[in-house]
Protein backbone atom coordinates (compact mmCIF):
# COMPACT_ATOMS: atom_id res chain seq x y z
CA MET A 1 -46.38 -55.41 -27.69
CA ASN A 2 -49.57 -56.45 -29.29
CA GLY A 3 -53.06 -55.35 -28.38
CA GLY A 4 -55.97 -57.62 -28.77
CA GLY A 5 -56.29 -60.62 -31.00
CA LEU A 6 -55.22 -60.44 -34.73
CA ARG A 7 -58.13 -61.06 -37.38
CA ALA A 8 -57.20 -63.63 -39.81
CA GLU A 9 -57.56 -62.58 -43.34
CA PRO A 10 -57.60 -64.54 -46.56
CA GLU A 11 -54.15 -64.73 -48.21
CA ASN A 12 -53.73 -63.83 -51.79
CA GLY A 13 -50.72 -64.44 -54.09
CA LEU A 14 -49.12 -61.09 -53.10
CA THR A 15 -49.41 -61.89 -49.33
CA LEU A 16 -47.94 -65.36 -49.82
CA PHE A 17 -45.09 -64.13 -52.00
CA ALA A 18 -44.31 -61.43 -49.32
CA LYS A 19 -44.26 -64.18 -46.59
CA LEU A 20 -42.09 -66.21 -48.73
CA LEU A 21 -39.44 -63.25 -48.95
CA TYR A 22 -39.79 -62.41 -45.36
CA ARG A 23 -39.30 -65.96 -44.06
CA PRO A 24 -35.55 -65.96 -44.51
CA VAL A 25 -35.31 -62.72 -42.78
CA MET A 26 -37.16 -63.92 -39.60
CA ASP A 27 -35.37 -67.27 -39.63
CA ALA A 28 -31.92 -65.85 -39.94
CA LYS A 29 -29.87 -66.22 -36.81
CA LEU A 30 -28.91 -62.85 -35.37
CA SER A 31 -25.78 -62.50 -33.49
CA ARG A 32 -26.26 -62.73 -29.84
CA PRO A 33 -23.78 -63.66 -27.02
CA GLU A 34 -24.21 -67.12 -25.42
CA PRO A 35 -24.57 -66.75 -21.65
CA ARG A 36 -22.67 -69.99 -20.95
CA ARG A 37 -19.66 -68.61 -22.91
CA ILE A 38 -19.38 -65.28 -21.01
CA HIS A 39 -16.92 -67.03 -18.55
CA HIS A 40 -14.90 -68.76 -21.17
CA LEU A 41 -11.27 -67.36 -21.06
CA ARG A 42 -9.14 -67.52 -24.15
CA LEU A 43 -6.17 -69.97 -23.81
CA ASN A 44 -3.71 -67.73 -25.61
CA THR A 45 -4.38 -64.96 -22.92
CA LEU A 46 -3.17 -67.33 -20.06
CA ILE A 47 -0.25 -68.54 -22.03
CA ARG A 48 1.02 -64.94 -22.67
CA LEU A 49 0.55 -64.06 -19.07
CA ARG A 50 2.48 -67.16 -17.95
CA TRP A 51 5.26 -66.31 -20.31
CA LEU A 52 5.63 -62.94 -18.61
CA ALA A 53 5.57 -64.65 -15.29
CA ILE A 54 8.30 -67.09 -16.35
CA ILE A 55 10.51 -64.10 -17.64
CA GLY A 56 10.11 -62.26 -14.33
CA GLN A 57 10.79 -65.24 -12.09
CA SER A 58 13.83 -66.30 -14.04
CA ALA A 59 15.21 -62.78 -13.94
CA ALA A 60 14.52 -62.51 -10.15
CA VAL A 61 16.23 -65.76 -9.56
CA LEU A 62 19.36 -64.97 -11.57
CA PHE A 63 19.57 -61.55 -10.04
CA VAL A 64 19.48 -62.88 -6.50
CA ALA A 65 21.80 -65.75 -7.13
CA TYR A 66 24.40 -64.28 -9.36
CA TRP A 67 24.22 -60.48 -8.99
CA LEU A 68 23.65 -60.21 -5.19
CA GLU A 69 25.36 -63.65 -4.76
CA PHE A 70 22.75 -64.75 -2.17
CA PRO A 71 22.65 -68.52 -1.27
CA LEU A 72 19.57 -69.86 -3.24
CA PRO A 73 18.45 -73.23 -4.63
CA VAL A 74 18.81 -72.22 -8.05
CA SER A 75 18.26 -75.68 -9.61
CA LEU A 76 14.93 -76.28 -7.74
CA CYS A 77 13.76 -72.84 -8.58
CA PHE A 78 14.49 -73.34 -12.22
CA ALA A 79 12.85 -76.78 -12.02
CA LEU A 80 9.63 -75.12 -11.10
CA ILE A 81 9.95 -72.44 -13.72
CA ALA A 82 10.71 -75.08 -16.32
CA LEU A 83 7.50 -76.93 -15.20
CA SER A 84 5.55 -73.85 -15.92
CA ALA A 85 7.17 -73.33 -19.15
CA TRP A 86 6.72 -77.06 -20.19
CA LEU A 87 2.91 -76.52 -19.40
CA ASN A 88 2.91 -73.53 -21.57
CA LEU A 89 4.44 -75.33 -24.55
CA PHE A 90 2.23 -78.23 -24.16
CA LEU A 91 -1.02 -76.09 -24.21
CA ALA A 92 0.34 -73.99 -27.04
CA PHE A 93 0.86 -77.07 -29.25
CA ARG A 94 -2.11 -79.04 -28.05
CA TYR A 95 -4.81 -76.24 -28.63
CA PRO A 96 -5.15 -73.57 -31.20
CA ALA A 97 -4.58 -69.90 -30.12
CA THR A 98 -8.23 -69.07 -30.21
CA HIS A 99 -9.35 -72.02 -28.03
CA ARG A 100 -11.67 -71.02 -25.34
CA LEU A 101 -11.22 -72.69 -22.00
CA THR A 102 -14.10 -74.16 -19.89
CA PRO A 103 -14.34 -72.46 -16.49
CA GLY A 104 -13.17 -75.71 -14.77
CA PHE A 105 -10.07 -75.97 -17.04
CA ALA A 106 -9.28 -72.26 -16.57
CA PHE A 107 -9.60 -72.83 -12.77
CA ALA A 108 -7.34 -75.81 -12.82
CA ILE A 109 -4.60 -73.70 -14.74
CA LEU A 110 -4.83 -70.73 -12.42
CA LEU A 111 -4.52 -73.12 -9.38
CA PHE A 112 -1.36 -74.60 -10.87
CA ASP A 113 0.07 -71.02 -11.28
CA ALA A 114 -0.76 -70.28 -7.57
CA ILE A 115 0.85 -73.53 -6.43
CA GLN A 116 3.95 -73.17 -8.61
CA LEU A 117 4.38 -69.70 -7.20
CA VAL A 118 4.08 -70.84 -3.70
CA GLY A 119 6.70 -73.38 -4.15
CA LEU A 120 9.00 -70.72 -5.44
CA LEU A 121 8.20 -68.64 -2.31
CA TYR A 122 8.71 -71.72 -0.08
CA MET A 123 12.27 -71.93 -1.26
CA THR A 124 12.78 -68.14 -0.99
CA GLY A 125 11.55 -67.06 2.49
CA GLY A 126 7.85 -67.63 2.38
CA LEU A 127 5.83 -64.52 3.24
CA THR A 128 9.01 -62.72 4.28
CA ASN A 129 9.78 -62.63 0.58
CA PRO A 130 8.59 -59.11 -0.75
CA PHE A 131 7.17 -60.89 -3.90
CA SER A 132 4.75 -62.90 -1.86
CA VAL A 133 2.12 -60.29 -2.78
CA LEU A 134 2.06 -61.80 -6.29
CA MET A 135 -0.05 -64.64 -4.85
CA ILE A 136 -3.04 -62.60 -5.62
CA VAL A 137 -2.51 -62.41 -9.30
CA PRO A 138 -4.39 -65.79 -10.15
CA VAL A 139 -7.33 -64.76 -8.00
CA VAL A 140 -7.61 -61.42 -9.69
CA ILE A 141 -7.58 -63.19 -13.06
CA SER A 142 -10.16 -65.46 -11.88
CA ALA A 143 -12.39 -62.71 -10.57
CA THR A 144 -12.54 -61.05 -14.06
CA SER A 145 -13.26 -64.19 -15.96
CA LEU A 146 -14.50 -67.10 -13.97
CA PRO A 147 -17.71 -67.58 -11.91
CA ALA A 148 -17.82 -66.28 -8.39
CA ARG A 149 -17.81 -69.69 -6.80
CA MET A 150 -14.62 -70.63 -8.60
CA THR A 151 -12.98 -67.39 -7.55
CA LEU A 152 -14.03 -67.94 -3.99
CA ALA A 153 -12.54 -71.46 -4.05
CA LEU A 154 -9.30 -70.21 -5.63
CA GLY A 155 -9.11 -67.43 -3.07
CA LEU A 156 -9.54 -69.92 -0.17
CA ALA A 157 -6.93 -72.10 -1.57
CA VAL A 158 -4.43 -69.23 -1.83
CA VAL A 159 -5.25 -68.21 1.70
CA GLY A 160 -4.59 -71.63 2.93
CA LEU A 161 -1.32 -71.80 1.06
CA ALA A 162 -0.21 -68.40 2.36
CA THR A 163 -1.00 -69.58 5.87
CA LEU A 164 1.32 -72.66 5.41
CA LEU A 165 4.04 -70.20 4.05
CA ALA A 166 3.82 -68.32 7.23
CA PHE A 167 4.86 -71.25 9.32
CA PHE A 168 6.82 -73.61 6.76
CA HIS A 169 9.50 -72.01 4.53
CA LEU A 170 13.26 -71.95 3.90
CA PRO A 171 15.17 -68.89 5.07
CA LEU A 172 15.01 -65.65 3.02
CA PRO A 173 18.16 -65.50 0.89
CA TRP A 174 20.54 -63.07 2.59
CA PHE A 175 24.14 -62.31 2.61
CA PRO A 176 26.32 -65.43 3.02
CA GLY A 177 27.05 -66.33 6.63
CA THR A 178 24.22 -64.23 7.90
CA GLU A 179 20.50 -64.88 8.28
CA LEU A 180 17.84 -62.19 8.35
CA ALA A 181 15.81 -62.44 11.46
CA VAL A 182 12.21 -61.33 10.68
CA PRO A 183 9.77 -61.15 13.61
CA PHE A 184 6.62 -63.12 13.35
CA ILE A 185 4.50 -59.96 13.79
CA TYR A 186 5.93 -58.84 10.42
CA VAL A 187 5.01 -62.21 8.85
CA ALA A 188 1.48 -61.84 10.21
CA GLY A 189 1.31 -58.39 8.82
CA MET A 190 2.34 -59.73 5.35
CA TRP A 191 -0.25 -62.53 5.69
CA MET A 192 -2.89 -59.81 6.36
CA ALA A 193 -1.48 -57.80 3.48
CA VAL A 194 -2.00 -60.58 1.00
CA PHE A 195 -5.31 -61.39 2.32
CA SER A 196 -6.73 -57.97 2.25
CA THR A 197 -5.17 -56.99 -0.96
CA MET A 198 -6.43 -60.17 -2.62
CA THR A 199 -9.91 -59.65 -1.28
CA PHE A 200 -10.30 -56.01 -2.16
CA THR A 201 -8.66 -56.37 -5.59
CA ALA A 202 -10.73 -59.43 -6.50
CA PHE A 203 -13.87 -57.91 -5.52
CA TYR A 204 -13.22 -54.68 -7.32
CA ALA A 205 -12.16 -56.49 -10.49
CA TYR A 206 -15.33 -58.86 -10.25
CA ARG A 207 -17.52 -55.84 -10.03
CA VAL A 208 -16.02 -54.01 -13.01
CA ALA A 209 -15.87 -57.09 -15.15
CA GLU A 210 -19.46 -57.91 -14.13
CA GLU A 211 -20.85 -54.51 -15.12
CA ALA A 212 -18.88 -54.74 -18.33
CA ARG A 213 -20.40 -57.99 -19.14
CA LEU A 214 -23.96 -56.75 -18.34
CA LEU A 215 -23.38 -53.66 -20.39
CA ALA A 216 -22.13 -55.82 -23.39
CA ASN A 217 -25.20 -58.11 -23.18
CA ALA A 218 -27.45 -55.06 -23.10
CA LEU A 219 -25.73 -53.61 -26.02
CA SER A 220 -26.04 -56.77 -27.94
CA ALA A 221 -29.71 -56.91 -27.22
CA THR A 222 -29.99 -53.50 -28.56
CA GLU A 223 -28.16 -54.28 -31.75
CA LEU A 224 -30.31 -57.38 -32.02
CA ILE A 225 -33.54 -55.17 -31.99
CA LEU A 226 -32.05 -52.77 -34.54
CA GLN A 227 -31.16 -55.64 -36.76
CA ARG A 228 -34.70 -56.91 -36.65
CA GLU A 229 -36.08 -53.49 -37.44
CA GLN A 230 -33.77 -53.00 -40.28
CA HIS A 231 -34.70 -56.43 -41.67
CA LEU A 232 -38.38 -55.46 -41.60
CA SER A 233 -37.54 -52.19 -43.42
CA ALA A 234 -35.51 -54.24 -45.95
CA LEU A 235 -38.62 -56.32 -47.05
CA ASP A 236 -39.64 -53.96 -49.93
CA GLY A 237 -35.89 -54.09 -51.34
CA LEU A 238 -36.12 -57.87 -51.09
CA ALA A 239 -39.43 -57.88 -52.92
CA ALA A 240 -38.31 -55.58 -55.64
CA ALA A 241 -35.08 -57.56 -56.20
CA ALA A 242 -37.16 -60.83 -56.42
CA ALA A 243 -39.32 -59.30 -58.82
CA HIS A 244 -36.44 -58.17 -61.07
CA GLU A 245 -34.69 -61.51 -60.90
CA LEU A 246 -37.90 -63.59 -61.64
CA GLY A 247 -39.16 -61.28 -64.50
CA THR A 248 -37.01 -62.76 -67.20
CA PRO A 249 -37.81 -66.51 -66.46
CA LEU A 250 -41.56 -65.80 -66.23
CA ALA A 251 -41.32 -63.92 -69.57
CA THR A 252 -39.46 -66.90 -71.16
CA ILE A 253 -42.10 -69.26 -69.81
CA ALA A 254 -44.99 -67.22 -71.17
CA LEU A 255 -43.34 -67.03 -74.63
CA VAL A 256 -42.76 -70.78 -74.73
CA ALA A 257 -46.38 -71.53 -73.61
CA ARG A 258 -47.62 -69.23 -76.41
CA GLU A 259 -45.60 -71.00 -78.97
CA MET A 260 -46.75 -74.41 -77.74
CA GLU A 261 -50.32 -73.09 -77.99
CA HIS A 262 -49.84 -72.19 -81.59
CA ALA A 263 -48.13 -75.45 -82.30
CA LEU A 264 -50.84 -77.63 -80.84
CA GLY A 265 -53.56 -75.91 -82.87
CA GLN A 266 -56.98 -77.52 -82.17
CA ASP A 267 -55.41 -80.39 -80.26
CA SER A 268 -57.87 -80.59 -77.19
CA ARG A 269 -55.63 -83.00 -75.32
CA LEU A 270 -52.95 -80.51 -74.03
CA ARG A 271 -54.40 -77.13 -75.21
CA GLU A 272 -56.30 -76.52 -71.94
CA ASP A 273 -53.14 -77.20 -69.83
CA VAL A 274 -51.02 -74.81 -72.05
CA VAL A 275 -53.63 -72.00 -71.93
CA LEU A 276 -53.76 -72.38 -68.15
CA LEU A 277 -49.99 -72.32 -67.90
CA ARG A 278 -49.79 -69.16 -69.96
CA SER A 279 -52.51 -67.42 -67.92
CA GLN A 280 -50.79 -68.32 -64.65
CA SER A 281 -47.50 -66.92 -65.84
CA GLU A 282 -49.22 -63.71 -66.82
CA ARG A 283 -50.80 -63.64 -63.37
CA CYS A 284 -47.30 -64.09 -61.67
CA ARG A 285 -45.92 -61.14 -63.86
CA GLU A 286 -48.83 -58.93 -62.54
CA ILE A 287 -48.07 -59.90 -59.04
CA LEU A 288 -44.34 -59.13 -59.54
CA LYS A 289 -45.32 -55.76 -61.12
CA ARG A 290 -47.29 -54.87 -58.07
CA LEU A 291 -44.26 -55.85 -55.86
CA THR A 292 -42.13 -53.67 -57.90
CA SER A 293 -44.32 -50.71 -57.45
CA LEU A 294 -44.49 -50.90 -53.62
CA SER A 295 -41.56 -48.76 -53.02
CA SER A 296 -42.43 -46.21 -55.71
CA GLU A 297 -46.01 -45.90 -54.37
CA GLY A 298 -45.34 -45.81 -50.71
CA GLU A 299 -41.76 -44.90 -49.98
CA ALA A 300 -42.00 -41.09 -50.43
CA HIS A 301 -44.74 -40.51 -47.77
CA LEU A 302 -43.73 -43.37 -45.41
CA ALA A 303 -40.01 -42.18 -45.24
CA ARG A 304 -41.14 -38.81 -43.76
CA LEU A 305 -43.07 -38.57 -40.54
CA PRO A 306 -44.48 -35.40 -39.03
CA PHE A 307 -43.77 -35.31 -35.16
CA THR A 308 -47.41 -35.71 -34.34
CA SER A 309 -47.69 -38.72 -36.74
CA LEU A 310 -44.74 -40.13 -34.84
CA ILE A 311 -46.46 -39.79 -31.56
CA GLU A 312 -49.66 -41.31 -32.83
CA GLU A 313 -47.67 -44.28 -34.35
CA VAL A 314 -45.88 -44.85 -31.09
CA ILE A 315 -49.03 -44.95 -28.75
CA ALA A 316 -51.34 -46.69 -31.24
CA PRO A 317 -50.31 -50.40 -30.14
CA HIS A 318 -50.93 -49.37 -26.46
CA ARG A 319 -54.49 -47.95 -26.39
CA ASN A 320 -56.51 -51.07 -25.73
CA PHE A 321 -55.24 -52.15 -22.43
CA GLY A 322 -57.60 -50.30 -20.06
CA ILE A 323 -55.51 -47.31 -19.54
CA GLU A 324 -56.35 -44.01 -20.98
CA ILE A 325 -53.66 -42.26 -22.96
CA ALA A 326 -54.32 -38.50 -22.88
CA LEU A 327 -52.56 -36.14 -25.53
CA GLU A 328 -51.85 -32.75 -24.37
CA PRO A 329 -50.17 -30.53 -27.07
CA GLY A 330 -48.20 -27.59 -25.67
CA GLU A 331 -46.28 -24.71 -27.23
CA ARG A 332 -45.81 -25.09 -31.04
CA GLN A 333 -43.69 -22.27 -32.57
CA GLY A 334 -43.18 -22.39 -36.15
CA PRO A 335 -43.95 -25.21 -38.64
CA GLU A 336 -44.38 -28.78 -37.37
CA PRO A 337 -41.09 -30.67 -37.52
CA VAL A 338 -41.06 -33.34 -40.14
CA GLY A 339 -38.54 -36.08 -39.95
CA ARG A 340 -37.27 -39.23 -41.44
CA ARG A 341 -38.81 -42.56 -40.19
CA ASN A 342 -36.37 -44.22 -37.79
CA ALA A 343 -36.98 -47.61 -36.41
CA GLY A 344 -34.65 -46.80 -33.43
CA VAL A 345 -36.66 -43.67 -32.32
CA ILE A 346 -39.98 -45.50 -32.73
CA TYR A 347 -38.90 -48.39 -30.78
CA GLY A 348 -37.35 -46.33 -28.08
CA LEU A 349 -40.45 -44.07 -27.64
CA GLY A 350 -42.77 -47.16 -27.79
CA ASN A 351 -40.86 -48.82 -25.09
CA LEU A 352 -41.24 -45.69 -22.81
CA VAL A 353 -44.96 -45.61 -23.54
CA GLU A 354 -45.34 -49.44 -22.89
CA ASN A 355 -43.53 -49.03 -19.49
CA ALA A 356 -45.80 -46.12 -18.55
CA VAL A 357 -48.97 -48.10 -19.45
CA ASP A 358 -47.73 -51.15 -17.54
CA PHE A 359 -47.17 -49.15 -14.33
CA ALA A 360 -50.06 -46.66 -14.63
CA ARG A 361 -53.18 -47.14 -12.51
CA GLU A 362 -55.70 -45.39 -14.85
CA LYS A 363 -54.20 -42.74 -17.09
CA VAL A 364 -50.89 -41.80 -19.06
CA VAL A 365 -50.41 -38.25 -20.27
CA LEU A 366 -48.15 -37.58 -23.27
CA ALA A 367 -47.39 -33.92 -23.66
CA TRP A 368 -45.33 -32.39 -26.61
CA SER A 369 -44.21 -29.05 -27.85
CA TRP A 370 -41.63 -27.47 -30.19
CA ASN A 371 -40.02 -24.14 -30.64
CA ASP A 372 -37.16 -22.56 -32.66
CA ALA A 373 -34.54 -24.34 -30.46
CA ARG A 374 -35.87 -27.64 -29.32
CA VAL A 375 -38.45 -30.46 -29.76
CA PHE A 376 -39.98 -31.85 -26.47
CA LEU A 377 -41.86 -34.84 -25.34
CA GLU A 378 -43.10 -35.57 -21.84
CA LEU A 379 -44.60 -38.83 -20.64
CA THR A 380 -46.39 -38.88 -17.23
CA ASP A 381 -48.23 -41.82 -15.51
CA ASP A 382 -50.16 -41.97 -12.34
CA GLY A 383 -48.54 -45.08 -10.99
CA PRO A 384 -46.29 -45.36 -8.00
CA GLY A 385 -43.35 -43.79 -9.74
CA PHE A 386 -39.64 -44.56 -9.51
CA PRO A 387 -38.04 -45.52 -6.10
CA PRO A 388 -35.96 -42.55 -4.94
CA GLU A 389 -33.06 -44.64 -4.29
CA ILE A 390 -32.81 -45.81 -8.01
CA ILE A 391 -33.67 -42.68 -10.02
CA ASP A 392 -30.05 -41.64 -10.52
CA ARG A 393 -29.27 -45.14 -11.91
CA ILE A 394 -32.32 -45.47 -14.19
CA GLY A 395 -31.19 -46.36 -17.73
CA GLU A 396 -28.39 -48.75 -16.43
CA PRO A 397 -28.96 -52.41 -17.79
CA TYR A 398 -30.47 -55.09 -15.54
CA MET A 399 -31.45 -52.49 -12.85
CA SER A 400 -35.02 -51.90 -11.85
CA LYS A 401 -37.10 -52.24 -8.68
CA ARG A 402 -40.29 -50.83 -10.11
CA THR A 403 -43.54 -52.94 -9.61
CA SER A 404 -46.31 -52.95 -12.28
CA ARG A 405 -50.04 -53.31 -11.73
CA GLU A 406 -49.74 -57.17 -12.14
CA GLY A 407 -47.12 -57.28 -9.53
CA GLY A 408 -44.14 -57.99 -11.79
CA GLY A 409 -40.86 -56.10 -11.87
CA GLY A 410 -38.59 -55.29 -14.80
CA LEU A 411 -34.80 -55.75 -14.96
CA GLY A 412 -34.14 -52.33 -16.60
CA LEU A 413 -32.95 -53.75 -19.92
CA GLY A 414 -35.93 -52.26 -21.78
CA LEU A 415 -35.32 -48.67 -20.43
CA PHE A 416 -31.62 -48.99 -21.26
CA ILE A 417 -32.28 -49.99 -24.83
CA ALA A 418 -34.81 -47.17 -25.18
CA LYS A 419 -32.45 -44.66 -23.72
CA THR A 420 -29.63 -45.84 -25.87
CA LEU A 421 -31.57 -45.74 -29.07
CA LEU A 422 -33.02 -42.26 -28.33
CA GLU A 423 -29.64 -40.85 -27.32
CA ARG A 424 -28.14 -42.26 -30.57
CA SER A 425 -30.57 -39.91 -32.41
CA GLY A 426 -29.46 -36.82 -30.53
CA ALA A 427 -32.08 -36.83 -27.70
CA SER A 428 -31.54 -36.38 -24.08
CA VAL A 429 -33.73 -38.46 -21.78
CA ASN A 430 -34.39 -37.67 -18.13
CA PHE A 431 -36.26 -39.88 -15.72
CA GLY A 432 -37.97 -38.65 -12.47
CA ASN A 433 -41.14 -38.30 -10.48
CA ALA A 434 -43.76 -35.76 -10.78
CA GLY A 435 -44.15 -34.93 -6.97
CA GLU A 436 -47.81 -34.08 -7.43
CA PRO A 437 -50.80 -35.92 -6.03
CA GLY A 438 -52.19 -38.38 -8.70
CA LYS A 439 -48.97 -38.39 -10.91
CA GLY A 440 -46.05 -40.90 -10.69
CA ALA A 441 -43.20 -41.27 -12.96
CA VAL A 442 -42.14 -38.70 -15.53
CA VAL A 443 -39.98 -39.23 -18.62
CA LYS A 444 -38.76 -36.23 -20.52
CA VAL A 445 -37.32 -36.54 -24.02
CA SER A 446 -35.97 -33.55 -26.01
CA TRP A 447 -33.92 -33.01 -29.16
CA PRO A 448 -32.09 -29.94 -30.31
CA ARG A 449 -33.94 -28.66 -33.30
CA GLN A 450 -30.67 -28.05 -35.06
CA SER A 451 -29.82 -31.67 -34.99
CA PHE A 452 -33.36 -32.45 -36.48
CA LEU A 453 -32.85 -30.44 -39.65
CA ALA A 454 -31.74 -32.33 -42.65
CA SER A 455 -30.47 -29.97 -45.31
CA ALA A 456 -30.94 -26.29 -45.61
CA GLY A 457 -34.43 -25.35 -46.66
CA GLU A 458 -36.05 -28.83 -46.31
CA GLY A 459 -36.95 -28.53 -42.54
CA GLU A 460 -36.73 -32.21 -41.98
CA ILE A 461 -35.81 -33.92 -38.71
CA ALA A 462 -32.83 -36.15 -39.02
CA TYR A 463 -33.62 -38.66 -36.33
């Protein structure tokens, strides 16, 4: 979040060289899930599930026909099973095992599975067959991997096929010479059981899968931010490596230029160009020397960050937005905790401050303290606060109903990322409302001091 405009400054050779090093870092394609591929089911998964169904169907037909010796159209049943096996073999040879199906293709395969199972049920008693409940399986698979509209369409198709089976089917295989009379009310109950089981199970599976997808996307965004922060911190290392690698070629250029200068003597035609070449190579070596010294000059004091300096660094980008940020130090027992700089902690706290500034009316209060046991930080704004119905769910991805001063609302992803990064550092984060006039939302962050300490005697916070 940037405050105000940025003042343009003249670029020297060092700045240009740093930008040249930094450009590959910023242009690198970081891993990010593609939203359109979220619903792409892997073909090998469906093939394995179908082989399992083929084995189960074959075992059931053989058991009923040859063990129980019930009259059964075995050839027709195995014809349908063979059709499913042929489709499996065709798909396995036609596509690689890692092939991802488009939603439409996956829908067509699941619809085929439902129709194939309905065909078997038609020849074995329809809804009077106890295995008719397996009609819900394609719908459940669709609910976990396909868009909701396709799952709804597949569910309606299965309900329609189940309705047809309630009225049109061959008799249920039973002892030879007898026929099991099943009352229609039992058939209606089986239809209702299939419908209710399919609806509940599919909805439950869809909600669980959707929450898992949202969580995966949010975690991917968190990892993306951490990668960017790590790339920023790696700039010094890139500069030092480049300086080391370019040092030898530049020294060779300078040596050759010096020899050429001596060889030319007083020849004025090329002498000025050679002198310019040698002077510019020396300038490049000076720039590389400065780049090499960046880490040794600044790393020691930048790597360690006192707690109050951490707070100042977090709030500095948010001071010029018309909202007062008041600092209120509290109890401070013992020396000030000094910790290692951590991009995740800085980003997480910065996101909380940014959120408070966005929703505050006039003022944000940041209080901090520490003692022998813990380190505390409390952030309070005078905005509308968190709606009571979502306080217990704050920190979940893509969930927020809070409205800022500009009238916009967040999706909760920023708070999720901030909470995840801070908890990764060992902190506990609590969201709530102040319950006092003139105060709105309150966010409390605390770390156990023991988890802050680095090695014995150093007294550093290990964020």
